[in-house]
Structures are given as structure tokens and as C-alpha cells.
């Protein structure tokens, strides 16, 4: 929750299922008490937090090991989230891309979404694998339809140069979230290097 309108609507959305006895399973990067922390007009959001605590059982799933950062024991690097975004990590991403495309890559391809052309930095000549930078897809005015077109065109999307994002980059954050949702919906694998 990053915007007051989202914060206010949350209570209204969840109150009906809770009152009808629905069981809701959700995940969050933060405990309920920290939702919309330091947000504008946060007191308007506090009743939702109280409602969550009344109707939900919160389980902390934190672990000391970040399993996204572990490779398999056979020496093959099977990470899909690689950090930090430095030369060594970019080279790892390049190797993964080369392996999936078998070194047969074309540049300057395009896909179409609702009459708009979306430039594809690189893609496999004989495989549905694409390479984008964060700027290619998240610094441009693209939306869900564009990202769904990417997801339907490629079974694997590689992305590099994902910066540390703050609320100063609100448009890019929303686009990135929409992109990830579209890739998930399209069952498209996402492999990235991020700061």
C-alpha cells in the first residue's frame, strides 16, 4: 500500500469477506502494523490494520537464508534473481541468456500490442527468449496490455539494470509491478539482475 486512496479502499474491500466468514490467505513484505507506515493520512488506514488483526492470524515467514540467492550443487547457477547489478552478475545473466538462445540472437525485434510497437533489445532467433533493460520496459509509458503482449510472445524474459526503487520513481514502480504481474499471469519465467 503506497497511496492513500489504496489504503482507504483496503478496509472496504476486505470487510465484506471477513464479515461473511471467508478465509483469506495473503502475503506481505511487512507485518500489518507497518503497512502504509509514515503514509499521508495514515490514521485513516489504522482501522484496516485493527480489522486485519481481529480477523487474521499473522505468521512471520522470515528466514536467515535467502533461497533466491542459492545455486544448485551441480555447479549450474540456477538463480533467477541475481544481485548486485555489477559486471560479474551481468556476465552470469549473459551466460544464461546465451545458453537458452544457443547463441543465436537477433537485435532490434519488435512485438505489437494494441497497435503499438514495443522494441525488444535482443531475443532468441529460434527461441522465445527476450532481453530487456529496466529502462526498456519501465521508463516508458507502457501498461498491462503491453506487458501481457511481452508475456505471450516470450517464455523467458531477462532484465538487467533494475535500480533500487523508491517512491520518487512511483511510475516506474507501478510499471514494474504490472510487468511482474503480467509475466506471472502468462507463466513467463523472469530472470534478472538488480541492485
C-alpha atoms as a PDB file:
ATOM      1  CA  UNK A   1       0.000   0.000   0.000  1.00  0.00           C
ATOM      2  CA  UNK A   2       1.682   3.177  -1.172  1.00  0.00           C
ATOM      3  CA  UNK A   3      -1.135   5.648  -1.809  1.00  0.00           C
ATOM      4  CA  UNK A   4      -3.864   6.967   0.499  1.00  0.00           C
ATOM      5  CA  UNK A   5      -6.656   6.023  -1.913  1.00  0.00           C
ATOM      6  CA  UNK A   6      -5.396   2.416  -1.936  1.00  0.00           C
ATOM      7  CA  UNK A   7      -5.095   2.492   1.841  1.00  0.00           C
ATOM      8  CA  UNK A   8      -8.662   3.672   2.371  1.00  0.00           C
ATOM      9  CA  UNK A   9     -10.223   1.253  -0.091  1.00  0.00           C
ATOM     10  CA  UNK A  10      -8.494  -1.755   1.526  1.00  0.00           C
ATOM     11  CA  UNK A  11     -10.830  -1.734   4.535  1.00  0.00           C
ATOM     12  CA  UNK A  12     -13.895  -1.602   2.317  1.00  0.00           C
ATOM     13  CA  UNK A  13     -12.645  -4.399   0.076  1.00  0.00           C
ATOM     14  CA  UNK A  14     -11.805  -6.782   2.919  1.00  0.00           C
ATOM     15  CA  UNK A  15     -14.661  -6.018   5.319  1.00  0.00           C
ATOM     16  CA  UNK A  16     -17.356  -7.914   3.383  1.00  0.00           C
ATOM     17  CA  UNK A  17     -15.449 -11.216   3.016  1.00  0.00           C
ATOM     18  CA  UNK A  18     -14.368 -11.032   6.657  1.00  0.00           C
ATOM     19  CA  UNK A  19     -17.966 -10.416   7.824  1.00  0.00           C
ATOM     20  CA  UNK A  20     -19.125 -13.416   5.765  1.00  0.00           C
ATOM     21  CA  UNK A  21     -16.511 -15.682   7.317  1.00  0.00           C
ATOM     22  CA  UNK A  22     -14.224 -16.017   4.330  1.00  0.00           C
ATOM     23  CA  UNK A  23     -10.723 -17.326   4.795  1.00  0.00           C
ATOM     24  CA  UNK A  24      -8.159 -15.096   3.124  1.00  0.00           C
ATOM     25  CA  UNK A  25      -4.528 -16.014   2.660  1.00  0.00           C
ATOM     26  CA  UNK A  26      -2.214 -13.158   1.725  1.00  0.00           C
ATOM     27  CA  UNK A  27       1.471 -12.339   1.804  1.00  0.00           C
ATOM     28  CA  UNK A  28       3.214  -9.106   2.566  1.00  0.00           C
ATOM     29  CA  UNK A  29       6.763  -7.928   2.960  1.00  0.00           C
ATOM     30  CA  UNK A  30       5.719  -6.188   6.161  1.00  0.00           C
ATOM     31  CA  UNK A  31       3.701  -7.028   9.261  1.00  0.00           C
ATOM     32  CA  UNK A  32       0.261  -5.373   9.450  1.00  0.00           C
ATOM     33  CA  UNK A  33       1.493  -2.745  11.913  1.00  0.00           C
ATOM     34  CA  UNK A  34       3.999  -1.483   9.341  1.00  0.00           C
ATOM     35  CA  UNK A  35       1.597  -1.215   6.407  1.00  0.00           C
ATOM     36  CA  UNK A  36       1.440   2.284   4.960  1.00  0.00           C
ATOM     37  CA  UNK A  37       3.897   3.356   7.680  1.00  0.00           C
ATOM     38  CA  UNK A  38       4.556   7.121   7.574  1.00  0.00           C
ATOM     39  CA  UNK A  39       1.971   7.430   4.805  1.00  0.00           C
ATOM     40  CA  UNK A  40      -0.112  10.523   4.227  1.00  0.00           C
ATOM     41  CA  UNK A  41      -3.237  10.494   6.423  1.00  0.00           C
ATOM     42  CA  UNK A  42      -2.229   7.145   7.937  1.00  0.00           C
ATOM     43  CA  UNK A  43      -4.810   7.483  10.766  1.00  0.00           C
ATOM     44  CA  UNK A  44      -7.474   6.861   8.101  1.00  0.00           C
ATOM     45  CA  UNK A  45      -5.798   3.490   7.422  1.00  0.00           C
ATOM     46  CA  UNK A  46      -5.429   2.357  11.041  1.00  0.00           C
ATOM     47  CA  UNK A  47      -8.971   0.863  11.253  1.00  0.00           C
ATOM     48  CA  UNK A  48      -7.976  -1.554   8.477  1.00  0.00           C
ATOM     49  CA  UNK A  49      -4.930  -2.670  10.461  1.00  0.00           C
ATOM     50  CA  UNK A  50      -7.157  -3.280  13.504  1.00  0.00           C
ATOM     51  CA  UNK A  51      -9.549  -5.271  11.315  1.00  0.00           C
ATOM     52  CA  UNK A  52      -6.664  -7.364   9.958  1.00  0.00           C
ATOM     53  CA  UNK A  53      -5.507  -8.156  13.468  1.00  0.00           C
ATOM     54  CA  UNK A  54      -9.066  -9.074  14.525  1.00  0.00           C
ATOM     55  CA  UNK A  55      -9.805 -11.383  11.590  1.00  0.00           C
ATOM     56  CA  UNK A  56      -6.390 -12.734  10.606  1.00  0.00           C
ATOM     57  CA  UNK A  57      -3.659 -14.804  12.102  1.00  0.00           C
ATOM     58  CA  UNK A  58      -0.278 -13.388  11.132  1.00  0.00           C
ATOM     59  CA  UNK A  59       2.627 -15.759  10.550  1.00  0.00           C
ATOM     60  CA  UNK A  60       6.157 -14.435  10.121  1.00  0.00           C
ATOM     61  CA  UNK A  61       7.868 -16.493   7.425  1.00  0.00           C
ATOM     62  CA  UNK A  62      11.248 -14.828   7.663  1.00  0.00           C
ATOM     63  CA  UNK A  63      14.337 -16.979   7.348  1.00  0.00           C
ATOM     64  CA  UNK A  64      18.022 -16.309   7.750  1.00  0.00           C
ATOM     65  CA  UNK A  65      18.701 -17.839   4.339  1.00  0.00           C
ATOM     66  CA  UNK A  66      17.591 -16.009   1.194  1.00  0.00           C
ATOM     67  CA  UNK A  67      16.828 -19.006  -1.021  1.00  0.00           C
ATOM     68  CA  UNK A  68      16.710 -16.837  -4.136  1.00  0.00           C
ATOM     69  CA  UNK A  69      20.479 -16.438  -3.847  1.00  0.00           C
ATOM     70  CA  UNK A  70      21.395 -20.140  -3.768  1.00  0.00           C
ATOM     71  CA  UNK A  71      22.651 -22.156  -6.736  1.00  0.00           C
ATOM     72  CA  UNK A  72      22.333 -25.904  -7.173  1.00  0.00           C
ATOM     73  CA  UNK A  73      25.070 -28.212  -6.016  1.00  0.00           C
ATOM     74  CA  UNK A  74      25.910 -29.348  -9.572  1.00  0.00           C
ATOM     75  CA  UNK A  75      27.687 -26.070 -10.244  1.00  0.00           C
ATOM     76  CA  UNK A  76      24.994 -24.718 -12.559  1.00  0.00           C
ATOM     77  CA  UNK A  77      23.844 -21.282 -11.434  1.00  0.00           C
ATOM     78  CA  UNK A  78      20.062 -21.563 -11.395  1.00  0.00           C
ATOM     79  CA  UNK A  79      19.322 -18.267  -9.675  1.00  0.00           C
ATOM     80  CA  UNK A  80      16.679 -16.118 -11.329  1.00  0.00           C
ATOM     81  CA  UNK A  81      17.222 -13.097  -9.072  1.00  0.00           C
ATOM     82  CA  UNK A  82      20.841 -12.006  -9.189  1.00  0.00           C
ATOM     83  CA  UNK A  83      22.242  -9.145  -7.175  1.00  0.00           C
ATOM     84  CA  UNK A  84      24.033  -6.745  -7.069  1.00  0.00           C
ATOM     85  CA  UNK A  85      23.937  -5.313 -10.567  1.00  0.00           C
ATOM     86  CA  UNK A  86      27.667  -5.382 -11.315  1.00  0.00           C
ATOM     87  CA  UNK A  87      29.871  -6.763 -14.110  1.00  0.00           C
ATOM     88  CA  UNK A  88      30.206 -10.273 -12.678  1.00  0.00           C
ATOM     89  CA  UNK A  89      26.449 -10.595 -12.221  1.00  0.00           C
ATOM     90  CA  UNK A  90      25.712  -9.190 -15.684  1.00  0.00           C
ATOM     91  CA  UNK A  91      28.103 -11.779 -17.138  1.00  0.00           C
ATOM     92  CA  UNK A  92      26.175 -14.503 -15.315  1.00  0.00           C
ATOM     93  CA  UNK A  93      22.959 -13.204 -16.860  1.00  0.00           C
ATOM     94  CA  UNK A  94      24.618 -13.065 -20.302  1.00  0.00           C
ATOM     95  CA  UNK A  95      25.719 -16.716 -19.958  1.00  0.00           C
ATOM     96  CA  UNK A  96      22.207 -17.794 -19.030  1.00  0.00           C
ATOM     97  CA  UNK A  97      20.778 -15.880 -22.000  1.00  0.00           C
ATOM     98  CA  UNK A  98      23.366 -17.341 -24.387  1.00  0.00           C
ATOM     99  CA  UNK A  99      22.613 -20.842 -23.140  1.00  0.00           C
ATOM    100  CA  UNK A 100      18.855 -20.511 -23.690  1.00  0.00           C
ATOM    101  CA  UNK A 101      19.227 -18.846 -27.089  1.00  0.00           C
ATOM    102  CA  UNK A 102      22.056 -21.219 -28.101  1.00  0.00           C
ATOM    103  CA  UNK A 103      23.971 -18.115 -29.123  1.00  0.00           C
ATOM    104  CA  UNK A 104      21.521 -17.355 -31.925  1.00  0.00           C
ATOM    105  CA  UNK A 105      20.350 -13.831 -31.125  1.00  0.00           C
ATOM    106  CA  UNK A 106      18.730 -11.060 -33.131  1.00  0.00           C
ATOM    107  CA  UNK A 107      18.596  -7.382 -32.195  1.00  0.00           C
ATOM    108  CA  UNK A 108      16.002  -4.781 -32.959  1.00  0.00           C
ATOM    109  CA  UNK A 109      12.943  -7.040 -32.977  1.00  0.00           C
ATOM    110  CA  UNK A 110       9.513  -5.666 -32.154  1.00  0.00           C
ATOM    111  CA  UNK A 111       6.265  -7.005 -30.823  1.00  0.00           C
ATOM    112  CA  UNK A 112       2.906  -5.328 -31.169  1.00  0.00           C
ATOM    113  CA  UNK A 113       0.308  -4.549 -28.520  1.00  0.00           C
ATOM    114  CA  UNK A 114      -2.918  -2.755 -29.440  1.00  0.00           C
ATOM    115  CA  UNK A 115      -1.275  -1.146 -32.445  1.00  0.00           C
ATOM    116  CA  UNK A 116       1.817  -0.018 -30.530  1.00  0.00           C
ATOM    117  CA  UNK A 117       5.289  -1.349 -31.261  1.00  0.00           C
ATOM    118  CA  UNK A 118       7.430  -2.495 -28.356  1.00  0.00           C
ATOM    119  CA  UNK A 119      11.147  -2.671 -29.090  1.00  0.00           C
ATOM    120  CA  UNK A 120      12.923  -5.837 -27.961  1.00  0.00           C
ATOM    121  CA  UNK A 121      16.615  -5.214 -27.243  1.00  0.00           C
ATOM    122  CA  UNK A 122      17.587  -8.793 -28.074  1.00  0.00           C
ATOM    123  CA  UNK A 123      15.781 -12.068 -28.485  1.00  0.00           C
ATOM    124  CA  UNK A 124      16.494 -15.618 -29.465  1.00  0.00           C
ATOM    125  CA  UNK A 125      16.394 -16.237 -33.186  1.00  0.00           C
ATOM    126  CA  UNK A 126      14.827 -19.664 -32.740  1.00  0.00           C
ATOM    127  CA  UNK A 127      13.626 -19.437 -29.138  1.00  0.00           C
ATOM    128  CA  UNK A 128      11.052 -17.360 -27.337  1.00  0.00           C
ATOM    129  CA  UNK A 129      13.576 -15.702 -25.046  1.00  0.00           C
ATOM    130  CA  UNK A 130      13.931 -11.922 -24.742  1.00  0.00           C
ATOM    131  CA  UNK A 131      16.366  -9.466 -23.181  1.00  0.00           C
ATOM    132  CA  UNK A 132      15.335  -6.048 -21.909  1.00  0.00           C
ATOM    133  CA  UNK A 133      16.794  -3.406 -19.661  1.00  0.00           C
ATOM    134  CA  UNK A 134      14.664  -1.953 -16.894  1.00  0.00           C
ATOM    135  CA  UNK A 135      14.507   1.300 -18.874  1.00  0.00           C
ATOM    136  CA  UNK A 136      13.203  -0.548 -21.965  1.00  0.00           C
ATOM    137  CA  UNK A 137      10.022  -1.600 -20.190  1.00  0.00           C
ATOM    138  CA  UNK A 138       9.586   0.568 -17.108  1.00  0.00           C
ATOM    139  CA  UNK A 139      10.831   4.035 -18.089  1.00  0.00           C
ATOM    140  CA  UNK A 140       8.383   4.235 -20.984  1.00  0.00           C
ATOM    141  CA  UNK A 141       4.622   4.793 -20.841  1.00  0.00           C
ATOM    142  CA  UNK A 142       3.663   1.124 -21.141  1.00  0.00           C
ATOM    143  CA  UNK A 143       0.751  -0.623 -19.474  1.00  0.00           C
ATOM    144  CA  UNK A 144      -0.756  -4.001 -18.728  1.00  0.00           C
ATOM    145  CA  UNK A 145      -1.672  -4.753 -22.365  1.00  0.00           C
ATOM    146  CA  UNK A 146       1.929  -4.130 -23.431  1.00  0.00           C
ATOM    147  CA  UNK A 147       3.311  -6.359 -20.705  1.00  0.00           C
ATOM    148  CA  UNK A 148       0.792  -9.100 -21.479  1.00  0.00           C
ATOM    149  CA  UNK A 149       1.976  -8.982 -25.088  1.00  0.00           C
ATOM    150  CA  UNK A 150       5.562  -9.446 -23.877  1.00  0.00           C
ATOM    151  CA  UNK A 151       4.460 -12.366 -21.701  1.00  0.00           C
ATOM    152  CA  UNK A 152       2.615 -14.055 -24.555  1.00  0.00           C
ATOM    153  CA  UNK A 153       5.495 -13.576 -27.008  1.00  0.00           C
ATOM    154  CA  UNK A 154       8.251 -14.990 -24.774  1.00  0.00           C
ATOM    155  CA  UNK A 155       8.505 -17.928 -22.371  1.00  0.00           C
ATOM    156  CA  UNK A 156      11.503 -16.323 -20.642  1.00  0.00           C
ATOM    157  CA  UNK A 157      12.303 -12.644 -20.140  1.00  0.00           C
ATOM    158  CA  UNK A 158      15.712 -11.430 -18.991  1.00  0.00           C
ATOM    159  CA  UNK A 159      16.036  -7.972 -17.455  1.00  0.00           C
ATOM    160  CA  UNK A 160      19.099  -6.071 -16.365  1.00  0.00           C
ATOM    161  CA  UNK A 161      19.838  -2.759 -14.687  1.00  0.00           C
ATOM    162  CA  UNK A 162      16.936  -2.840 -12.229  1.00  0.00           C
ATOM    163  CA  UNK A 163      17.762   0.034  -9.865  1.00  0.00           C
ATOM    164  CA  UNK A 164      16.925   0.395  -6.204  1.00  0.00           C
ATOM    165  CA  UNK A 165      13.460   1.896  -6.368  1.00  0.00           C
ATOM    166  CA  UNK A 166      11.943   4.471  -4.065  1.00  0.00           C
ATOM    167  CA  UNK A 167       8.648   6.307  -4.068  1.00  0.00           C
ATOM    168  CA  UNK A 168      10.397   9.021  -6.078  1.00  0.00           C
ATOM    169  CA  UNK A 169      10.131   6.609  -9.038  1.00  0.00           C
ATOM    170  CA  UNK A 170       6.427   5.928  -8.454  1.00  0.00           C
ATOM    171  CA  UNK A 171       5.580   5.480 -12.160  1.00  0.00           C
ATOM    172  CA  UNK A 172       8.433   3.035 -12.704  1.00  0.00           C
ATOM    173  CA  UNK A 173       7.478   1.117  -9.540  1.00  0.00           C
ATOM    174  CA  UNK A 174       3.878   0.724 -10.710  1.00  0.00           C
ATOM    175  CA  UNK A 175       5.003  -0.313 -14.195  1.00  0.00           C
ATOM    176  CA  UNK A 176       7.433  -2.857 -12.749  1.00  0.00           C
ATOM    177  CA  UNK A 177       4.718  -4.347 -10.533  1.00  0.00           C
ATOM    178  CA  UNK A 178       2.361  -4.522 -13.516  1.00  0.00           C
ATOM    179  CA  UNK A 179       5.094  -6.167 -15.608  1.00  0.00           C
ATOM    180  CA  UNK A 180       5.748  -8.822 -12.955  1.00  0.00           C
ATOM    181  CA  UNK A 181       2.001  -9.482 -12.626  1.00  0.00           C
ATOM    182  CA  UNK A 182       1.681  -9.898 -16.409  1.00  0.00           C
ATOM    183  CA  UNK A 183       4.668 -12.241 -16.588  1.00  0.00           C
ATOM    184  CA  UNK A 184       3.251 -14.291 -13.733  1.00  0.00           C
ATOM    185  CA  UNK A 185      -0.145 -14.464 -15.407  1.00  0.00           C
ATOM    186  CA  UNK A 186       1.481 -15.538 -18.669  1.00  0.00           C
ATOM    187  CA  UNK A 187       3.589 -18.212 -16.907  1.00  0.00           C
ATOM    188  CA  UNK A 188       6.678 -16.432 -18.263  1.00  0.00           C
ATOM    189  CA  UNK A 189       9.946 -17.029 -16.440  1.00  0.00           C
ATOM    190  CA  UNK A 190      11.698 -13.859 -15.300  1.00  0.00           C
ATOM    191  CA  UNK A 191      15.467 -13.756 -14.813  1.00  0.00           C
ATOM    192  CA  UNK A 192      17.047 -10.520 -13.668  1.00  0.00           C
ATOM    193  CA  UNK A 193      19.981  -8.625 -12.268  1.00  0.00           C
ATOM    194  CA  UNK A 194      19.024  -5.950  -9.754  1.00  0.00           C
ATOM    195  CA  UNK A 195      20.669  -3.553  -7.331  1.00  0.00           C
END
